[in-house]
């Protein structure tokens, strides 16, 4: 049985940005990294 990687969870960057101030610093960094990843993915798809 092969294990295929799960697709990344899609996030709403606007929602994350709106809520980032409520998080601890480490959580803020992780949330912003997720936003960066999501926006990079969207940009790549748009440019393809």
PDB file of N, CA and C in Angstrom:
ATOM      1  N   UNK A   1       0.841  -1.178   0.000  1.00  0.00           N
ATOM      2  CA  UNK A   1       0.000   0.000   0.000  1.00  0.00           C
ATOM      3  C   UNK A   1       0.890   1.246   0.000  1.00  0.00           C
ATOM      4  N   UNK A   2       0.737   2.104  -0.975  1.00  0.00           N
ATOM      5  CA  UNK A   2       1.560   3.310  -1.031  1.00  0.00           C
ATOM      6  C   UNK A   2       0.868   4.460  -0.321  1.00  0.00           C
ATOM      7  N   UNK A   3       1.693   5.231   0.328  1.00  0.00           N
ATOM      8  CA  UNK A   3       1.152   6.398   1.026  1.00  0.00           C
ATOM      9  C   UNK A   3       1.389   7.624   0.161  1.00  0.00           C
ATOM     10  N   UNK A   4       0.332   8.224  -0.285  1.00  0.00           N
ATOM     11  CA  UNK A   4       0.457   9.447  -1.062  1.00  0.00           C
ATOM     12  C   UNK A   4       0.343  10.622  -0.110  1.00  0.00           C
ATOM     13  N   UNK A   5       1.130  11.655  -0.341  1.00  0.00           N
ATOM     14  CA  UNK A   5       1.048  12.809   0.557  1.00  0.00           C
ATOM     15  C   UNK A   5      -0.309  13.486   0.453  1.00  0.00           C
ATOM     16  N   UNK A   6      -0.778  13.950   1.586  1.00  0.00           N
ATOM     17  CA  UNK A   6      -2.052  14.664   1.607  1.00  0.00           C
ATOM     18  C   UNK A   6      -1.864  16.024   0.952  1.00  0.00           C
ATOM     19  N   UNK A   7      -2.862  16.484   0.223  1.00  0.00           N
ATOM     20  CA  UNK A   7      -2.750  17.836  -0.332  1.00  0.00           C
ATOM     21  C   UNK A   7      -2.757  18.846   0.813  1.00  0.00           C
ATOM     22  N   UNK A   8      -2.056  19.948   0.634  1.00  0.00           N
ATOM     23  CA  UNK A   8      -2.034  20.951   1.702  1.00  0.00           C
ATOM     24  C   UNK A   8      -3.426  21.513   1.952  1.00  0.00           C
ATOM     25  N   UNK A   9      -3.651  21.880   3.181  1.00  0.00           N
ATOM     26  CA  UNK A   9      -4.939  22.458   3.556  1.00  0.00           C
ATOM     27  C   UNK A   9      -5.000  23.871   2.995  1.00  0.00           C
ATOM     28  N   UNK A  10      -6.056  24.166   2.278  1.00  0.00           N
ATOM     29  CA  UNK A  10      -6.230  25.511   1.724  1.00  0.00           C
ATOM     30  C   UNK A  10      -6.638  26.454   2.842  1.00  0.00           C
ATOM     31  N   UNK A  11      -6.064  27.623   2.845  1.00  0.00           N
ATOM     32  CA  UNK A  11      -6.403  28.625   3.849  1.00  0.00           C
ATOM     33  C   UNK A  11      -6.901  29.876   3.151  1.00  0.00           C
ATOM     34  N   UNK A  12      -7.573  30.703   3.898  1.00  0.00           N
ATOM     35  CA  UNK A  12      -8.002  32.003   3.399  1.00  0.00           C
ATOM     36  C   UNK A  12      -7.028  33.036   3.964  1.00  0.00           C
ATOM     37  N   UNK A  13      -6.118  33.565   3.140  1.00  0.00           N
ATOM     38  CA  UNK A  13      -5.125  34.514   3.636  1.00  0.00           C
ATOM     39  C   UNK A  13      -5.734  35.722   4.346  1.00  0.00           C
ATOM     40  N   UNK A  14      -6.859  36.218   3.856  1.00  0.00           N
ATOM     41  CA  UNK A  14      -7.488  37.377   4.495  1.00  0.00           C
ATOM     42  C   UNK A  14      -7.897  37.064   5.930  1.00  0.00           C
ATOM     43  N   UNK A  15      -8.448  35.885   6.139  1.00  0.00           N
ATOM     44  CA  UNK A  15      -8.869  35.484   7.476  1.00  0.00           C
ATOM     45  C   UNK A  15      -7.666  35.350   8.399  1.00  0.00           C
ATOM     46  N   UNK A  16      -6.604  34.738   7.908  1.00  0.00           N
ATOM     47  CA  UNK A  16      -5.404  34.559   8.726  1.00  0.00           C
ATOM     48  C   UNK A  16      -4.829  35.912   9.113  1.00  0.00           C
ATOM     49  N   UNK A  17      -4.727  36.819   8.153  1.00  0.00           N
ATOM     50  CA  UNK A  17      -4.176  38.148   8.431  1.00  0.00           C
ATOM     51  C   UNK A  17      -5.034  38.886   9.456  1.00  0.00           C
ATOM     52  N   UNK A  18      -6.344  38.759   9.334  1.00  0.00           N
ATOM     53  CA  UNK A  18      -7.245  39.422  10.282  1.00  0.00           C
ATOM     54  C   UNK A  18      -7.060  38.906  11.707  1.00  0.00           C
ATOM     55  N   UNK A  19      -6.685  37.644  11.857  1.00  0.00           N
ATOM     56  CA  UNK A  19      -6.607  37.027  13.178  1.00  0.00           C
ATOM     57  C   UNK A  19      -5.191  36.915  13.729  1.00  0.00           C
ATOM     58  N   UNK A  20      -4.188  37.304  12.976  1.00  0.00           N
ATOM     59  CA  UNK A  20      -2.802  37.071  13.378  1.00  0.00           C
ATOM     60  C   UNK A  20      -2.426  37.818  14.663  1.00  0.00           C
ATOM     61  N   UNK A  21      -3.006  38.967  14.916  1.00  0.00           N
ATOM     62  CA  UNK A  21      -2.669  39.724  16.122  1.00  0.00           C
ATOM     63  C   UNK A  21      -3.111  39.030  17.398  1.00  0.00           C
ATOM     64  N   UNK A  22      -4.047  38.102  17.288  1.00  0.00           N
ATOM     65  CA  UNK A  22      -4.549  37.392  18.459  1.00  0.00           C
ATOM     66  C   UNK A  22      -3.649  36.218  18.848  1.00  0.00           C
ATOM     67  N   UNK A  23      -2.643  35.915  18.048  1.00  0.00           N
ATOM     68  CA  UNK A  23      -1.794  34.748  18.271  1.00  0.00           C
ATOM     69  C   UNK A  23      -0.501  35.124  18.985  1.00  0.00           C
ATOM     70  N   UNK A  24       0.121  34.109  19.590  1.00  0.00           N
ATOM     71  CA  UNK A  24       1.460  34.283  20.159  1.00  0.00           C
ATOM     72  C   UNK A  24       2.454  34.408  19.007  1.00  0.00           C
ATOM     73  N   UNK A  25       3.638  34.912  19.308  1.00  0.00           N
ATOM     74  CA  UNK A  25       4.626  35.191  18.262  1.00  0.00           C
ATOM     75  C   UNK A  25       4.938  33.964  17.402  1.00  0.00           C
ATOM     76  N   UNK A  26       5.159  32.808  18.031  1.00  0.00           N
ATOM     77  CA  UNK A  26       5.477  31.603  17.261  1.00  0.00           C
ATOM     78  C   UNK A  26       4.314  31.213  16.353  1.00  0.00           C
ATOM     79  N   UNK A  27       3.098  31.372  16.861  1.00  0.00           N
ATOM     80  CA  UNK A  27       1.912  31.060  16.060  1.00  0.00           C
ATOM     81  C   UNK A  27       1.742  32.062  14.925  1.00  0.00           C
ATOM     82  N   UNK A  28       2.099  33.321  15.173  1.00  0.00           N
ATOM     83  CA  UNK A  28       2.043  34.335  14.125  1.00  0.00           C
ATOM     84  C   UNK A  28       2.975  33.955  12.980  1.00  0.00           C
ATOM     85  N   UNK A  29       4.186  33.538  13.341  1.00  0.00           N
ATOM     86  CA  UNK A  29       5.163  33.157  12.321  1.00  0.00           C
ATOM     87  C   UNK A  29       4.643  31.987  11.501  1.00  0.00           C
ATOM     88  N   UNK A  30       4.117  30.973  12.168  1.00  0.00           N
ATOM     89  CA  UNK A  30       3.589  29.800  11.464  1.00  0.00           C
ATOM     90  C   UNK A  30       2.421  30.190  10.562  1.00  0.00           C
ATOM     91  N   UNK A  31       1.543  31.052  11.056  1.00  0.00           N
ATOM     92  CA  UNK A  31       0.386  31.478  10.265  1.00  0.00           C
ATOM     93  C   UNK A  31       0.833  32.259   9.032  1.00  0.00           C
ATOM     94  N   UNK A  32       1.804  33.137   9.209  1.00  0.00           N
ATOM     95  CA  UNK A  32       2.285  33.923   8.077  1.00  0.00           C
ATOM     96  C   UNK A  32       3.038  33.054   7.070  1.00  0.00           C
ATOM     97  N   UNK A  33       3.716  32.015   7.550  1.00  0.00           N
ATOM     98  CA  UNK A  33       4.352  31.073   6.626  1.00  0.00           C
ATOM     99  C   UNK A  33       3.299  30.338   5.799  1.00  0.00           C
ATOM    100  N   UNK A  34       2.169  30.010   6.417  1.00  0.00           N
ATOM    101  CA  UNK A  34       1.079  29.364   5.681  1.00  0.00           C
ATOM    102  C   UNK A  34       0.515  30.305   4.622  1.00  0.00           C
ATOM    103  N   UNK A  35       0.360  31.574   4.979  1.00  0.00           N
ATOM    104  CA  UNK A  35      -0.140  32.562   4.018  1.00  0.00           C
ATOM    105  C   UNK A  35       0.838  32.676   2.852  1.00  0.00           C
ATOM    106  N   UNK A  36       2.111  32.751   3.153  1.00  0.00           N
ATOM    107  CA  UNK A  36       3.126  32.848   2.104  1.00  0.00           C
ATOM    108  C   UNK A  36       3.060  31.642   1.177  1.00  0.00           C
ATOM    109  N   UNK A  37       2.952  30.460   1.759  1.00  0.00           N
ATOM    110  CA  UNK A  37       2.866  29.236   0.963  1.00  0.00           C
ATOM    111  C   UNK A  37       1.624  29.229   0.073  1.00  0.00           C
ATOM    112  N   UNK A  38       0.496  29.616   0.639  1.00  0.00           N
ATOM    113  CA  UNK A  38      -0.765  29.642  -0.121  1.00  0.00           C
ATOM    114  C   UNK A  38      -0.680  30.638  -1.276  1.00  0.00           C
ATOM    115  N   UNK A  39      -0.154  31.819  -1.003  1.00  0.00           N
ATOM    116  CA  UNK A  39      -0.064  32.831  -2.056  1.00  0.00           C
ATOM    117  C   UNK A  39       0.937  32.428  -3.134  1.00  0.00           C
ATOM    118  N   UNK A  40       2.019  31.765  -2.742  1.00  0.00           N
ATOM    119  CA  UNK A  40       2.989  31.267  -3.715  1.00  0.00           C
ATOM    120  C   UNK A  40       2.348  30.220  -4.618  1.00  0.00           C
ATOM    121  N   UNK A  41       1.551  29.333  -4.018  1.00  0.00           N
ATOM    122  CA  UNK A  41       0.849  28.306  -4.794  1.00  0.00           C
ATOM    123  C   UNK A  41      -0.118  28.943  -5.775  1.00  0.00           C
ATOM    124  N   UNK A  42      -0.869  29.921  -5.308  1.00  0.00           N
ATOM    125  CA  UNK A  42      -1.835  30.596  -6.189  1.00  0.00           C
ATOM    126  C   UNK A  42      -1.129  31.303  -7.337  1.00  0.00           C
ATOM    127  N   UNK A  43      -0.019  31.950  -7.035  1.00  0.00           N
ATOM    128  CA  UNK A  43       0.734  32.649  -8.070  1.00  0.00           C
ATOM    129  C   UNK A  43       1.266  31.666  -9.108  1.00  0.00           C
ATOM    130  N   UNK A  44       1.782  30.541  -8.646  1.00  0.00           N
ATOM    131  CA  UNK A  44       2.299  29.527  -9.568  1.00  0.00           C
ATOM    132  C   UNK A  44       1.203  29.011 -10.485  1.00  0.00           C
ATOM    133  N   UNK A  45       0.025  28.788  -9.931  1.00  0.00           N
ATOM    134  CA  UNK A  45      -1.095  28.305 -10.750  1.00  0.00           C
ATOM    135  C   UNK A  45      -1.521  29.355 -11.769  1.00  0.00           C
ATOM    136  N   UNK A  46      -1.497  30.601 -11.362  1.00  0.00           N
ATOM    137  CA  UNK A  46      -1.900  31.683 -12.255  1.00  0.00           C
ATOM    138  C   UNK A  46      -0.912  31.832 -13.406  1.00  0.00           C
ATOM    139  N   UNK A  47       0.356  31.656 -13.112  1.00  0.00           N
ATOM    140  CA  UNK A  47       1.388  31.827 -14.131  1.00  0.00           C
ATOM    141  C   UNK A  47       1.508  30.621 -15.053  1.00  0.00           C
ATOM    142  N   UNK A  48       0.943  29.490 -14.657  1.00  0.00           N
ATOM    143  CA  UNK A  48       1.070  28.261 -15.468  1.00  0.00           C
ATOM    144  C   UNK A  48       0.259  28.342 -16.737  1.00  0.00           C
TER     145      UNK A  48
END
